[in-house]
Every structure is written in structure tokens, then in C-alpha cells.
Amino acid sequence: QVNLVPSGGGSVQAGGSLRLACEVVGITYSYYAVGWYRQAPGKGREGVACIDFNPESIDGSMSVADSLKGRFTISQDKANNTLYLQMNSLQPEDSGMYYCAFARPRECSEGYVYKDPSIFRPWGQGTQVTVSS
């Protein structure tokens, strides 16, 4: 059974930082992509970041939504099938529920998850991020 286990959400003051983690448990395929999308109350999905896990490369292809570049960084611990989202300089508009989700490697590397975040396949519950002024 495959599970995505997100963690690291919480409440911070504006300008603060959080690091989210997503542990991929029980994955069978060696080549896949995982990322995050977020959703604020009353808002639609917004693709945040994505990374693919390519066993033939040291690091997977990583990307962050254009609007979040410079503040958000995605990284991976490939040996433990865990990816991280470092979020710096957080602002109240970053508040929302952050979901860890699967995507196809092509959907990640070619940016489809930002054009249409609905193609993310969420697994389990998200983790809440709250940024206060």
C-alpha cells in the first residue's frame, strides 16, 4: 500500500519560515513525481512545487511555481523517499491547507501541475499552514 505522509505545518508570524515534509511510504515504482498544492478557504487549488524521482540521476528535476520562486525551495532525501518544502518569508496570503500529491514525471517536469493543479493526485490529508500578521 502506498501512502503519502505530510508533516511540518503550523502557525508562524509573517516573515517566518516553515519546512514541510512528505514521506512516500510503500512506493513500488522507481520513477515518479511528488509535489505540493495548496488551497485556501474559498479558493481553488494552486500548484506549489514538484520534484520527480529519477533513479538514473543524483537529483530529480525540481520546480517551484513562478510566483513562489525565491521564497520556496523543494528538495529531496532520495534514500528515504522524502521530499521537503522550505518556505521562507511567509506572508498571510500563503496560509492554507498544503497537500502532498502524486504526479506523473512529465506533468512535473513540463510544468503541467502549475497550469492545471487539478491533475495532482492527492493522497491522505493535508497539513495546515497559518501565517499571521
Protein backbone atom coordinates (compact mmCIF):
# COMPACT_ATOMS: atom_id res chain seq x y z
CA GLN A 1 0.00 0.00 0.00
CA VAL A 2 1.29 3.45 -0.93
CA ASN A 3 0.94 6.36 1.44
CA LEU A 4 1.99 9.99 1.39
CA VAL A 5 2.55 11.32 4.88
CA PRO A 6 2.80 15.11 5.11
CA SER A 7 4.04 16.96 8.15
CA GLY A 8 5.55 20.23 9.24
CA GLY A 9 2.61 22.60 9.10
CA GLY A 10 1.92 25.07 11.82
CA SER A 11 1.43 28.71 12.69
CA VAL A 12 4.04 31.39 12.20
CA GLN A 13 4.31 35.14 12.13
CA ALA A 14 4.70 36.94 8.83
CA GLY A 15 8.29 36.76 7.71
CA GLY A 16 8.84 33.42 9.40
CA SER A 17 9.66 30.03 7.93
CA LEU A 18 8.32 26.52 7.89
CA ARG A 19 9.61 23.30 6.41
CA LEU A 20 7.09 20.78 5.19
CA ALA A 21 7.96 17.14 4.65
CA CYS A 22 6.29 14.43 2.64
CA GLU A 23 7.28 10.85 3.26
CA VAL A 24 6.45 8.41 0.48
CA VAL A 25 5.75 5.02 2.00
CA GLY A 26 5.41 1.76 0.12
CA ILE A 27 6.11 3.05 -3.38
CA THR A 28 6.72 0.34 -5.92
CA TYR A 29 7.85 2.28 -8.99
CA SER A 30 11.33 3.74 -9.10
CA TYR A 31 10.45 6.75 -11.25
CA TYR A 32 7.64 9.01 -10.12
CA ALA A 33 6.90 12.59 -9.15
CA VAL A 34 5.55 14.12 -5.96
CA GLY A 35 4.71 17.68 -5.12
CA TRP A 36 2.52 20.05 -3.19
CA TYR A 37 -0.51 22.06 -3.97
CA ARG A 38 -2.30 24.39 -1.61
CA GLN A 39 -5.82 25.58 -1.13
CA ALA A 40 -7.09 28.48 0.92
CA PRO A 41 -10.70 28.61 2.16
CA GLY A 42 -12.98 29.53 -0.70
CA LYS A 43 -10.15 29.28 -3.23
CA GLY A 44 -9.16 26.74 -5.82
CA ARG A 45 -6.06 24.62 -5.95
CA GLU A 46 -2.72 26.30 -6.53
CA GLY A 47 0.27 24.26 -7.59
CA VAL A 48 3.23 24.98 -5.32
CA ALA A 49 6.17 22.76 -6.16
CA CYS A 50 7.09 19.43 -7.66
CA ILE A 51 10.00 17.04 -7.90
CA ASP A 52 10.50 13.84 -9.83
CA PHE A 53 12.50 10.90 -8.56
CA ASN A 54 14.71 9.56 -11.32
CA PRO A 55 16.90 6.63 -10.22
CA GLU A 56 19.33 7.36 -13.05
CA SER A 57 20.20 10.81 -11.73
CA ILE A 58 21.56 12.09 -8.45
CA ASP A 59 18.78 14.62 -8.00
CA GLY A 60 15.37 14.75 -9.55
CA SER A 61 14.11 17.63 -11.61
CA MET A 62 12.78 20.26 -9.24
CA SER A 63 10.45 23.16 -9.81
CA VAL A 64 8.52 25.79 -7.91
CA ALA A 65 5.60 27.90 -9.06
CA ASP A 66 6.78 31.13 -10.65
CA SER A 67 5.04 33.28 -8.06
CA LEU A 68 6.83 31.45 -5.24
CA LYS A 69 10.35 31.30 -6.60
CA GLY A 70 12.87 32.90 -4.32
CA ARG A 71 10.88 32.11 -1.19
CA PHE A 72 10.01 28.42 -1.55
CA THR A 73 12.52 25.67 -2.25
CA ILE A 74 11.88 21.99 -2.84
CA SER A 75 14.44 19.31 -2.04
CA GLN A 76 14.61 15.58 -1.52
CA ASP A 77 16.10 12.87 0.62
CA LYS A 78 16.01 10.20 -2.03
CA ALA A 79 17.33 7.41 0.16
CA ASN A 80 14.36 7.84 2.49
CA ASN A 81 11.81 8.72 -0.17
CA THR A 82 11.13 12.04 1.49
CA LEU A 83 10.77 15.47 -0.04
CA TYR A 84 10.84 18.82 1.67
CA LEU A 85 9.37 22.21 1.01
CA GLN A 86 11.28 25.02 2.66
CA MET A 87 9.07 28.08 2.91
CA ASN A 88 10.71 31.36 3.82
CA SER A 89 9.44 34.91 4.18
CA LEU A 90 5.93 33.63 4.69
CA GLN A 91 3.05 36.03 4.28
CA PRO A 92 -0.61 35.78 5.32
CA GLU A 93 -1.59 35.03 1.74
CA ASP A 94 0.46 31.84 1.96
CA SER A 95 -1.97 30.46 4.53
CA GLY A 96 -3.94 27.41 3.56
CA MET A 97 -4.02 23.67 3.51
CA TYR A 98 -0.98 22.14 1.84
CA TYR A 99 -1.38 18.75 0.24
CA CYS A 100 1.26 16.26 -0.77
CA ALA A 101 0.30 14.56 -4.01
CA PHE A 102 1.48 12.34 -6.83
CA ALA A 103 2.00 13.44 -10.39
CA ARG A 104 3.50 11.88 -13.48
CA PRO A 105 7.13 12.88 -14.04
CA ARG A 106 6.18 14.59 -17.28
CA GLU A 107 3.46 16.56 -15.54
CA CYS A 108 6.07 17.83 -13.11
CA SER A 109 8.99 18.46 -15.43
CA GLU A 110 6.90 20.21 -18.06
CA GLY A 111 5.00 22.36 -15.58
CA TYR A 112 1.53 20.96 -16.12
CA VAL A 113 0.87 20.87 -12.37
CA TYR A 114 1.04 24.68 -12.30
CA LYS A 115 -1.12 25.18 -15.35
CA ASP A 116 -3.75 22.81 -14.05
CA PRO A 117 -3.26 21.81 -10.39
CA SER A 118 -6.26 19.50 -10.60
CA ILE A 119 -4.03 16.87 -12.18
CA PHE A 120 -2.31 16.32 -8.84
CA ARG A 121 -3.48 13.10 -7.23
CA PRO A 122 -3.69 13.81 -3.51
CA TRP A 123 -3.19 11.05 -1.01
CA GLY A 124 -4.44 11.48 2.51
CA GLN A 125 -4.91 14.66 4.45
CA GLY A 126 -3.02 17.89 4.10
CA THR A 127 -1.15 19.94 6.65
CA GLN A 128 -2.35 23.36 7.72
CA VAL A 129 -0.18 26.43 7.33
CA THR A 130 -1.26 29.61 9.06
CA VAL A 131 0.65 32.86 8.75
CA SER A 132 -0.41 35.77 10.92
CA SER A 133 0.44 39.44 10.64
